[in-house]
């Protein structure tokens, strides 16, 4: 598949992404969940707590 085809599918809502967010303060929990198969898709570390 070409990149443009993928972008078109995403715009049409035909591609979904599974992601579980973890704040940076819980990065060790995220790693543990990944290692033990408790995350479907991607684990995403957020830095929102530092934006305040």
PDB file of N, CA and C in Angstrom:
ATOM      1  N   UNK A   1       0.824  -1.187   0.000  1.00  0.00           N
ATOM      2  CA  UNK A   1       0.000   0.000   0.000  1.00  0.00           C
ATOM      3  C   UNK A   1       0.867   1.249   0.000  1.00  0.00           C
ATOM      4  N   UNK A   2       0.434   2.240  -0.711  1.00  0.00           N
ATOM      5  CA  UNK A   2       1.129   3.516  -0.750  1.00  0.00           C
ATOM      6  C   UNK A   2       0.668   4.386   0.417  1.00  0.00           C
ATOM      7  N   UNK A   3       1.499   5.327   0.780  1.00  0.00           N
ATOM      8  CA  UNK A   3       1.182   6.211   1.898  1.00  0.00           C
ATOM      9  C   UNK A   3      -0.118   6.964   1.655  1.00  0.00           C
ATOM     10  N   UNK A   4      -0.335   7.430   0.453  1.00  0.00           N
ATOM     11  CA  UNK A   4      -1.555   8.185   0.149  1.00  0.00           C
ATOM     12  C   UNK A   4      -2.796   7.318   0.344  1.00  0.00           C
ATOM     13  N   UNK A   5      -2.717   6.052  -0.037  1.00  0.00           N
ATOM     14  CA  UNK A   5      -3.848   5.147   0.162  1.00  0.00           C
ATOM     15  C   UNK A   5      -4.155   4.985   1.653  1.00  0.00           C
ATOM     16  N   UNK A   6      -3.123   4.874   2.455  1.00  0.00           N
ATOM     17  CA  UNK A   6      -3.299   4.733   3.897  1.00  0.00           C
ATOM     18  C   UNK A   6      -3.910   6.001   4.474  1.00  0.00           C
ATOM     19  N   UNK A   7      -3.432   7.154   4.023  1.00  0.00           N
ATOM     20  CA  UNK A   7      -3.980   8.428   4.496  1.00  0.00           C
ATOM     21  C   UNK A   7      -5.456   8.563   4.127  1.00  0.00           C
ATOM     22  N   UNK A   8      -5.818   8.135   2.921  1.00  0.00           N
ATOM     23  CA  UNK A   8      -7.214   8.190   2.485  1.00  0.00           C
ATOM     24  C   UNK A   8      -8.093   7.284   3.346  1.00  0.00           C
ATOM     25  N   UNK A   9      -7.596   6.095   3.656  1.00  0.00           N
ATOM     26  CA  UNK A   9      -8.354   5.189   4.522  1.00  0.00           C
ATOM     27  C   UNK A   9      -8.531   5.783   5.918  1.00  0.00           C
ATOM     28  N   UNK A  10      -7.493   6.396   6.436  1.00  0.00           N
ATOM     29  CA  UNK A  10      -7.565   7.011   7.764  1.00  0.00           C
ATOM     30  C   UNK A  10      -8.581   8.151   7.768  1.00  0.00           C
ATOM     31  N   UNK A  11      -8.552   8.994   6.749  1.00  0.00           N
ATOM     32  CA  UNK A  11      -9.502  10.103   6.655  1.00  0.00           C
ATOM     33  C   UNK A  11     -10.938   9.603   6.570  1.00  0.00           C
ATOM     34  N   UNK A  12     -11.125   8.461   5.922  1.00  0.00           N
ATOM     35  CA  UNK A  12     -12.459   7.883   5.775  1.00  0.00           C
ATOM     36  C   UNK A  12     -12.909   7.140   7.034  1.00  0.00           C
ATOM     37  N   UNK A  13     -12.039   7.080   8.036  1.00  0.00           N
ATOM     38  CA  UNK A  13     -12.391   6.412   9.290  1.00  0.00           C
ATOM     39  C   UNK A  13     -12.333   4.897   9.218  1.00  0.00           C
ATOM     40  N   UNK A  14     -11.605   4.369   8.251  1.00  0.00           N
ATOM     41  CA  UNK A  14     -11.533   2.923   8.067  1.00  0.00           C
ATOM     42  C   UNK A  14     -10.329   2.290   8.752  1.00  0.00           C
ATOM     43  N   UNK A  15      -9.514   3.128   9.395  1.00  0.00           N
ATOM     44  CA  UNK A  15      -8.366   2.627  10.152  1.00  0.00           C
ATOM     45  C   UNK A  15      -8.551   3.083  11.591  1.00  0.00           C
ATOM     46  N   UNK A  16      -8.454   2.158  12.495  1.00  0.00           N
ATOM     47  CA  UNK A  16      -8.555   2.526  13.901  1.00  0.00           C
ATOM     48  C   UNK A  16      -7.254   2.151  14.602  1.00  0.00           C
ATOM     49  N   UNK A  17      -6.931   2.943  15.593  1.00  0.00           N
ATOM     50  CA  UNK A  17      -5.712   2.716  16.356  1.00  0.00           C
ATOM     51  C   UNK A  17      -6.102   2.422  17.788  1.00  0.00           C
ATOM     52  N   UNK A  18      -5.552   1.357  18.315  1.00  0.00           N
ATOM     53  CA  UNK A  18      -5.787   1.032  19.715  1.00  0.00           C
ATOM     54  C   UNK A  18      -4.583   1.509  20.502  1.00  0.00           C
ATOM     55  N   UNK A  19      -4.849   2.392  21.454  1.00  0.00           N
ATOM     56  CA  UNK A  19      -3.766   2.925  22.266  1.00  0.00           C
ATOM     57  C   UNK A  19      -4.259   3.128  23.689  1.00  0.00           C
ATOM     58  N   UNK A  20      -3.405   2.827  24.616  1.00  0.00           N
ATOM     59  CA  UNK A  20      -3.699   3.049  26.023  1.00  0.00           C
ATOM     60  C   UNK A  20      -2.721   4.094  26.535  1.00  0.00           C
ATOM     61  N   UNK A  21      -3.254   5.175  27.114  1.00  0.00           N
ATOM     62  CA  UNK A  21      -2.420   6.272  27.590  1.00  0.00           C
ATOM     63  C   UNK A  21      -1.966   6.031  29.029  1.00  0.00           C
ATOM     64  N   UNK A  22      -0.732   6.411  29.293  1.00  0.00           N
ATOM     65  CA  UNK A  22      -0.174   6.380  30.643  1.00  0.00           C
ATOM     66  C   UNK A  22       0.533   7.709  30.882  1.00  0.00           C
ATOM     67  N   UNK A  23       0.290   8.341  32.030  1.00  0.00           N
ATOM     68  CA  UNK A  23       1.079   9.538  32.338  1.00  0.00           C
ATOM     69  C   UNK A  23       2.520   9.122  32.609  1.00  0.00           C
ATOM     70  N   UNK A  24       3.445  10.043  32.424  1.00  0.00           N
ATOM     71  CA  UNK A  24       4.856   9.740  32.622  1.00  0.00           C
ATOM     72  C   UNK A  24       5.127   9.166  34.013  1.00  0.00           C
ATOM     73  N   UNK A  25       4.373   9.603  34.988  1.00  0.00           N
ATOM     74  CA  UNK A  25       4.568   9.118  36.358  1.00  0.00           C
ATOM     75  C   UNK A  25       4.242   7.630  36.498  1.00  0.00           C
ATOM     76  N   UNK A  26       3.578   7.041  35.511  1.00  0.00           N
ATOM     77  CA  UNK A  26       3.222   5.618  35.563  1.00  0.00           C
ATOM     78  C   UNK A  26       3.931   4.813  34.477  1.00  0.00           C
ATOM     79  N   UNK A  27       5.095   5.280  34.056  1.00  0.00           N
ATOM     80  CA  UNK A  27       5.819   4.607  32.981  1.00  0.00           C
ATOM     81  C   UNK A  27       6.182   3.163  33.368  1.00  0.00           C
ATOM     82  N   UNK A  28       6.510   2.923  34.620  1.00  0.00           N
ATOM     83  CA  UNK A  28       6.839   1.555  35.042  1.00  0.00           C
ATOM     84  C   UNK A  28       5.617   0.644  34.987  1.00  0.00           C
ATOM     85  N   UNK A  29       4.459   1.189  35.308  1.00  0.00           N
ATOM     86  CA  UNK A  29       3.214   0.425  35.184  1.00  0.00           C
ATOM     87  C   UNK A  29       2.957   0.073  33.718  1.00  0.00           C
ATOM     88  N   UNK A  30       3.215   1.018  32.830  1.00  0.00           N
ATOM     89  CA  UNK A  30       3.032   0.775  31.396  1.00  0.00           C
ATOM     90  C   UNK A  30       3.946  -0.354  30.925  1.00  0.00           C
ATOM     91  N   UNK A  31       5.192  -0.321  31.343  1.00  0.00           N
ATOM     92  CA  UNK A  31       6.127  -1.390  30.956  1.00  0.00           C
ATOM     93  C   UNK A  31       5.673  -2.740  31.487  1.00  0.00           C
ATOM     94  N   UNK A  32       5.207  -2.754  32.716  1.00  0.00           N
ATOM     95  CA  UNK A  32       4.722  -4.001  33.309  1.00  0.00           C
ATOM     96  C   UNK A  32       3.509  -4.523  32.539  1.00  0.00           C
ATOM     97  N   UNK A  33       2.587  -3.621  32.205  1.00  0.00           N
ATOM     98  CA  UNK A  33       1.403  -4.027  31.433  1.00  0.00           C
ATOM     99  C   UNK A  33       1.798  -4.565  30.062  1.00  0.00           C
ATOM    100  N   UNK A  34       2.768  -3.927  29.414  1.00  0.00           N
ATOM    101  CA  UNK A  34       3.234  -4.409  28.114  1.00  0.00           C
ATOM    102  C   UNK A  34       3.860  -5.796  28.222  1.00  0.00           C
ATOM    103  N   UNK A  35       4.719  -5.957  29.203  1.00  0.00           N
ATOM    104  CA  UNK A  35       5.404  -7.244  29.383  1.00  0.00           C
ATOM    105  C   UNK A  35       4.441  -8.382  29.689  1.00  0.00           C
ATOM    106  N   UNK A  36       3.338  -8.050  30.343  1.00  0.00           N
ATOM    107  CA  UNK A  36       2.388  -9.079  30.764  1.00  0.00           C
ATOM    108  C   UNK A  36       1.153  -9.169  29.872  1.00  0.00           C
ATOM    109  N   UNK A  37       1.222  -8.545  28.716  1.00  0.00           N
ATOM    110  CA  UNK A  37       0.158  -8.684  27.719  1.00  0.00           C
ATOM    111  C   UNK A  37      -1.154  -8.014  28.078  1.00  0.00           C
ATOM    112  N   UNK A  38      -1.116  -6.986  28.908  1.00  0.00           N
ATOM    113  CA  UNK A  38      -2.347  -6.306  29.316  1.00  0.00           C
ATOM    114  C   UNK A  38      -2.656  -5.076  28.460  1.00  0.00           C
ATOM    115  N   UNK A  39      -1.868  -4.847  27.430  1.00  0.00           N
ATOM    116  CA  UNK A  39      -2.099  -3.700  26.541  1.00  0.00           C
ATOM    117  C   UNK A  39      -2.413  -4.226  25.156  1.00  0.00           C
ATOM    118  N   UNK A  40      -3.561  -3.783  24.617  1.00  0.00           N
ATOM    119  CA  UNK A  40      -3.882  -4.103  23.231  1.00  0.00           C
ATOM    120  C   UNK A  40      -3.488  -2.898  22.396  1.00  0.00           C
ATOM    121  N   UNK A  41      -2.705  -3.105  21.392  1.00  0.00           N
ATOM    122  CA  UNK A  41      -2.266  -1.990  20.559  1.00  0.00           C
ATOM    123  C   UNK A  41      -1.002  -1.372  21.128  1.00  0.00           C
ATOM    124  N   UNK A  42      -1.027  -0.063  21.286  1.00  0.00           N
ATOM    125  CA  UNK A  42       0.161   0.688  21.719  1.00  0.00           C
ATOM    126  C   UNK A  42      -0.028   1.248  23.124  1.00  0.00           C
ATOM    127  N   UNK A  43       1.064   1.348  23.834  1.00  0.00           N
ATOM    128  CA  UNK A  43       1.098   2.075  25.096  1.00  0.00           C
ATOM    129  C   UNK A  43       1.729   3.428  24.794  1.00  0.00           C
ATOM    130  N   UNK A  44       1.043   4.489  25.160  1.00  0.00           N
ATOM    131  CA  UNK A  44       1.508   5.835  24.868  1.00  0.00           C
ATOM    132  C   UNK A  44       1.783   6.557  26.179  1.00  0.00           C
ATOM    133  N   UNK A  45       3.003   7.047  26.330  1.00  0.00           N
ATOM    134  CA  UNK A  45       3.373   7.797  27.519  1.00  0.00           C
ATOM    135  C   UNK A  45       3.094   9.274  27.243  1.00  0.00           C
ATOM    136  N   UNK A  46       2.329   9.903  28.139  1.00  0.00           N
ATOM    137  CA  UNK A  46       1.990  11.321  27.961  1.00  0.00           C
ATOM    138  C   UNK A  46       2.764  12.165  28.970  1.00  0.00           C
ATOM    139  N   UNK A  47       2.976  13.395  28.603  1.00  0.00           N
ATOM    140  CA  UNK A  47       3.728  14.330  29.448  1.00  0.00           C
ATOM    141  C   UNK A  47       2.838  15.497  29.883  1.00  0.00           C
ATOM    142  N   UNK A  48       1.523  15.291  29.842  1.00  0.00           N
ATOM    143  CA  UNK A  48       0.583  16.343  30.168  1.00  0.00           C
ATOM    144  C   UNK A  48       0.796  16.894  31.572  1.00  0.00           C
ATOM    145  N   UNK A  49       1.218  16.053  32.497  1.00  0.00           N
ATOM    146  CA  UNK A  49       1.397  16.511  33.871  1.00  0.00           C
ATOM    147  C   UNK A  49       2.487  17.564  33.985  1.00  0.00           C
ATOM    148  N   UNK A  50       3.365  17.646  32.995  1.00  0.00           N
ATOM    149  CA  UNK A  50       4.435  18.639  33.010  1.00  0.00           C
ATOM    150  C   UNK A  50       4.036  19.947  32.345  1.00  0.00           C
ATOM    151  N   UNK A  51       2.889  19.952  31.669  1.00  0.00           N
ATOM    152  CA  UNK A  51       2.427  21.147  30.959  1.00  0.00           C
ATOM    153  C   UNK A  51       1.819  22.192  31.888  1.00  0.00           C
ATOM    154  N   UNK A  52       1.561  21.825  33.111  1.00  0.00           N
ATOM    155  CA  UNK A  52       0.872  22.736  34.035  1.00  0.00           C
ATOM    156  C   UNK A  52       1.774  23.798  34.566  1.00  0.00           C
TER     157      UNK A  52
END
